[in-house]
Each structure stands twice: as C-alpha cells, then as structure tokens.
Amino acid sequence: MPQKTLRFKIHQDGRVEETVEGFAGNSCNEATKSLEDTLGKVMVKNKTSDAFISNQNENLKQSNTESNVTF
C-alpha cells in the first residue's frame, strides 16, 4: 500500500496550495473535504495521473463482473 501524503504550500498572498499523493481514485476528495471546507473556497482542483489510473482499474473490475453477451 502506498504512503498517503498531504502537502501544503502557503503563498505570501494567503493562497494555500494542497498536493495529495498516494490516494486511489476519488478517495483523495474524501480525505481532504473537511480541510478544504475549513480553509475556504477551492479555486482550482487538478487531478493527478494516479486518479485516472485508479479509475481505469475500477472500470476494468466493473467490466469483468458485467456480461457483454446478448441472447
């Protein structure tokens, strides 16, 4: 299991930049929701490549459990 890390960079103008590492899919949103609510309005949110890879794995799991056969 990868290490989960939250990094914060506080800019001189008061902006807070948050970087999340080691979370699969949308679990990063769940992990940071309370922090983001406390800090204020989220201006920009960018997904990392980890989020997309995890989503592809979830889609693959789902397609393996579903049947694509028509009778």
Protein backbone atom coordinates (compact mmCIF):
# COMPACT_ATOMS: atom_id res chain seq x y z
CA MET A 1 0.00 0.00 0.00
CA PRO A 2 1.50 3.38 -1.00
CA GLN A 3 2.17 6.05 1.59
CA LYS A 4 -0.56 8.71 1.74
CA THR A 5 0.72 12.27 1.93
CA LEU A 6 -0.89 15.72 2.12
CA ARG A 7 1.41 18.67 1.36
CA PHE A 8 0.50 22.33 1.86
CA LYS A 9 2.22 25.37 0.41
CA ILE A 10 1.12 28.72 1.84
CA HIS A 11 1.80 31.59 -0.54
CA GLN A 12 2.60 35.15 0.58
CA ASP A 13 -0.77 36.36 -0.72
CA GLY A 14 -2.60 33.88 1.56
CA ARG A 15 -3.41 31.23 -1.05
CA VAL A 16 -2.97 27.65 0.12
CA GLU A 17 -1.85 25.04 -2.40
CA GLU A 18 -2.60 21.45 -1.44
CA THR A 19 -0.95 18.42 -3.04
CA VAL A 20 -2.30 14.94 -2.33
CA GLU A 21 -0.26 11.79 -3.03
CA GLY A 22 -0.93 8.07 -2.64
CA PHE A 23 -4.73 8.12 -2.81
CA ALA A 24 -6.61 5.95 -5.30
CA GLY A 25 -9.39 7.35 -7.48
CA ASN A 26 -11.68 9.80 -5.72
CA SER A 27 -10.58 8.83 -2.21
CA CYS A 28 -8.43 11.98 -2.16
CA ASN A 29 -11.61 14.09 -2.27
CA GLU A 30 -12.96 12.28 0.80
CA ALA A 31 -9.66 12.69 2.66
CA THR A 32 -9.40 16.43 2.02
CA LYS A 33 -13.05 17.53 2.17
CA SER A 34 -13.06 18.69 5.80
CA LEU A 35 -9.75 20.53 5.35
CA GLU A 36 -10.97 22.28 2.21
CA ASP A 37 -14.23 23.25 3.91
CA THR A 38 -12.25 24.75 6.80
CA LEU A 39 -9.73 26.60 4.63
CA GLY A 40 -12.33 28.26 2.42
CA LYS A 41 -13.30 28.38 -1.23
CA VAL A 42 -11.50 25.96 -3.56
CA MET A 43 -10.41 27.94 -6.62
CA VAL A 44 -8.82 25.21 -8.76
CA LYS A 45 -8.69 21.42 -8.47
CA ASN A 46 -6.45 19.34 -10.75
CA LYS A 47 -6.36 15.56 -10.75
CA THR A 48 -3.03 13.77 -10.87
CA SER A 49 -2.30 10.80 -13.10
CA ASP A 50 -2.90 8.50 -10.10
CA ALA A 51 -6.57 9.43 -10.07
CA PHE A 52 -7.01 8.44 -13.70
CA ILE A 53 -5.08 5.18 -13.38
CA SER A 54 -7.19 4.17 -10.40
CA ASN A 55 -10.38 4.99 -12.27
CA GLN A 56 -9.25 2.80 -15.18
CA ASN A 57 -8.65 -0.08 -12.75
CA GLU A 58 -12.14 0.38 -11.27
CA ASN A 59 -13.66 0.37 -14.77
CA LEU A 60 -11.75 -2.81 -15.63
CA LYS A 61 -13.01 -4.51 -12.47
CA GLN A 62 -16.57 -3.45 -13.30
CA SER A 63 -16.35 -4.71 -16.89
CA ASN A 64 -15.02 -8.06 -15.67
CA THR A 65 -18.09 -8.53 -13.45
CA GLU A 66 -20.59 -7.46 -16.11
CA SER A 67 -21.62 -9.64 -19.03
CA ASN A 68 -21.44 -8.24 -22.54
CA VAL A 69 -23.27 -11.17 -24.11
CA THR A 70 -26.61 -10.64 -25.87
CA PHE A 71 -29.04 -13.56 -26.36
